[in-house]
């Protein structure tokens, strides 16, 4: 039997970088689009506004990064 760790679905999802001036990422909280982010600080501000404490942006139980991690802010 293979062990597969199960992570709970995080409340925050940051989608892939979109081309724009400046490039941006769409941010979802609890499955609902709440806005865009042009840098990691915007993600933290959105979380704070929703009352969600984020202590570790690399914790997959806290934030799901789609199409690149917290340092990806340019389209590929």
C-alpha atoms as a PDB file:
ATOM      1  CA  UNK A   1       0.000   0.000   0.000  1.00  0.00           C
ATOM      2  CA  UNK A   2       1.330   3.435  -0.933  1.00  0.00           C
ATOM      3  CA  UNK A   3       1.084   6.265   1.553  1.00  0.00           C
ATOM      4  CA  UNK A   4      -0.200   9.525   0.127  1.00  0.00           C
ATOM      5  CA  UNK A   5      -0.334  12.526   2.451  1.00  0.00           C
ATOM      6  CA  UNK A   6      -3.648  14.317   2.394  1.00  0.00           C
ATOM      7  CA  UNK A   7      -3.651  18.068   2.738  1.00  0.00           C
ATOM      8  CA  UNK A   8      -6.860  19.838   3.576  1.00  0.00           C
ATOM      9  CA  UNK A   9      -8.132  22.186   0.919  1.00  0.00           C
ATOM     10  CA  UNK A  10      -6.652  25.568   1.744  1.00  0.00           C
ATOM     11  CA  UNK A  11      -9.022  28.515   1.952  1.00  0.00           C
ATOM     12  CA  UNK A  12      -6.725  30.607  -0.281  1.00  0.00           C
ATOM     13  CA  UNK A  13      -5.902  29.737  -3.898  1.00  0.00           C
ATOM     14  CA  UNK A  14      -3.614  31.865  -6.071  1.00  0.00           C
ATOM     15  CA  UNK A  15      -4.058  31.131  -9.776  1.00  0.00           C
ATOM     16  CA  UNK A  16      -1.375  31.320 -12.526  1.00  0.00           C
ATOM     17  CA  UNK A  17       0.167  34.601 -13.660  1.00  0.00           C
ATOM     18  CA  UNK A  18      -1.861  36.484 -16.257  1.00  0.00           C
ATOM     19  CA  UNK A  19      -0.302  38.818 -18.801  1.00  0.00           C
ATOM     20  CA  UNK A  20      -1.002  42.436 -18.010  1.00  0.00           C
ATOM     21  CA  UNK A  21       0.701  45.674 -17.148  1.00  0.00           C
ATOM     22  CA  UNK A  22       1.674  44.718 -14.515  1.00  0.00           C
ATOM     23  CA  UNK A  23       1.249  40.937 -14.616  1.00  0.00           C
ATOM     24  CA  UNK A  24      -1.195  39.677 -11.995  1.00  0.00           C
ATOM     25  CA  UNK A  25      -2.618  36.571 -10.376  1.00  0.00           C
ATOM     26  CA  UNK A  26      -6.250  35.975  -9.485  1.00  0.00           C
ATOM     27  CA  UNK A  27      -6.857  35.226  -5.809  1.00  0.00           C
ATOM     28  CA  UNK A  28      -9.694  33.031  -4.567  1.00  0.00           C
ATOM     29  CA  UNK A  29     -10.825  32.657  -0.977  1.00  0.00           C
ATOM     30  CA  UNK A  30     -13.171  29.814  -0.117  1.00  0.00           C
ATOM     31  CA  UNK A  31     -13.624  29.160  -3.852  1.00  0.00           C
ATOM     32  CA  UNK A  32     -14.742  32.697  -4.649  1.00  0.00           C
ATOM     33  CA  UNK A  33     -12.704  35.183  -6.672  1.00  0.00           C
ATOM     34  CA  UNK A  34     -11.928  38.109  -4.400  1.00  0.00           C
ATOM     35  CA  UNK A  35      -9.538  40.058  -6.625  1.00  0.00           C
ATOM     36  CA  UNK A  36      -6.085  40.159  -8.123  1.00  0.00           C
ATOM     37  CA  UNK A  37      -2.565  40.315  -6.751  1.00  0.00           C
ATOM     38  CA  UNK A  38       0.546  41.765  -8.354  1.00  0.00           C
ATOM     39  CA  UNK A  39       2.840  40.654  -5.535  1.00  0.00           C
ATOM     40  CA  UNK A  40       2.845  38.351  -2.538  1.00  0.00           C
ATOM     41  CA  UNK A  41       1.938  41.218  -0.207  1.00  0.00           C
ATOM     42  CA  UNK A  42      -1.419  41.520  -1.977  1.00  0.00           C
ATOM     43  CA  UNK A  43      -2.161  37.886  -1.116  1.00  0.00           C
ATOM     44  CA  UNK A  44      -1.397  38.517   2.547  1.00  0.00           C
ATOM     45  CA  UNK A  45      -3.573  41.643   2.565  1.00  0.00           C
ATOM     46  CA  UNK A  46      -6.476  39.734   1.005  1.00  0.00           C
ATOM     47  CA  UNK A  47      -6.105  36.987   3.605  1.00  0.00           C
ATOM     48  CA  UNK A  48      -6.039  39.524   6.435  1.00  0.00           C
ATOM     49  CA  UNK A  49      -9.128  41.284   5.053  1.00  0.00           C
ATOM     50  CA  UNK A  50     -10.934  37.931   5.091  1.00  0.00           C
ATOM     51  CA  UNK A  51      -9.761  37.250   8.644  1.00  0.00           C
ATOM     52  CA  UNK A  52      -7.486  34.375   7.638  1.00  0.00           C
ATOM     53  CA  UNK A  53      -4.127  34.296   9.435  1.00  0.00           C
ATOM     54  CA  UNK A  54      -1.313  33.066   7.178  1.00  0.00           C
ATOM     55  CA  UNK A  55       1.880  32.219   9.037  1.00  0.00           C
ATOM     56  CA  UNK A  56       3.634  30.291   6.277  1.00  0.00           C
ATOM     57  CA  UNK A  57       3.040  30.977   2.581  1.00  0.00           C
ATOM     58  CA  UNK A  58       4.789  27.689   1.739  1.00  0.00           C
ATOM     59  CA  UNK A  59       2.330  25.620   3.800  1.00  0.00           C
ATOM     60  CA  UNK A  60       0.043  23.781   1.342  1.00  0.00           C
ATOM     61  CA  UNK A  61      -2.651  23.681   4.030  1.00  0.00           C
ATOM     62  CA  UNK A  62      -2.671  27.507   4.084  1.00  0.00           C
ATOM     63  CA  UNK A  63      -2.257  28.576   0.440  1.00  0.00           C
ATOM     64  CA  UNK A  64      -2.524  26.687  -2.837  1.00  0.00           C
ATOM     65  CA  UNK A  65      -0.253  28.188  -5.506  1.00  0.00           C
ATOM     66  CA  UNK A  66      -1.283  27.189  -9.042  1.00  0.00           C
ATOM     67  CA  UNK A  67       1.179  27.657 -11.893  1.00  0.00           C
ATOM     68  CA  UNK A  68       4.115  28.729  -9.761  1.00  0.00           C
ATOM     69  CA  UNK A  69       4.899  29.544  -6.170  1.00  0.00           C
ATOM     70  CA  UNK A  70       4.968  32.724  -4.158  1.00  0.00           C
ATOM     71  CA  UNK A  71       7.926  34.072  -6.152  1.00  0.00           C
ATOM     72  CA  UNK A  72       6.291  33.650  -9.603  1.00  0.00           C
ATOM     73  CA  UNK A  73       4.891  36.988 -10.746  1.00  0.00           C
ATOM     74  CA  UNK A  74       5.840  37.059 -14.457  1.00  0.00           C
ATOM     75  CA  UNK A  75       4.077  35.152 -17.260  1.00  0.00           C
ATOM     76  CA  UNK A  76       6.013  32.187 -18.690  1.00  0.00           C
END
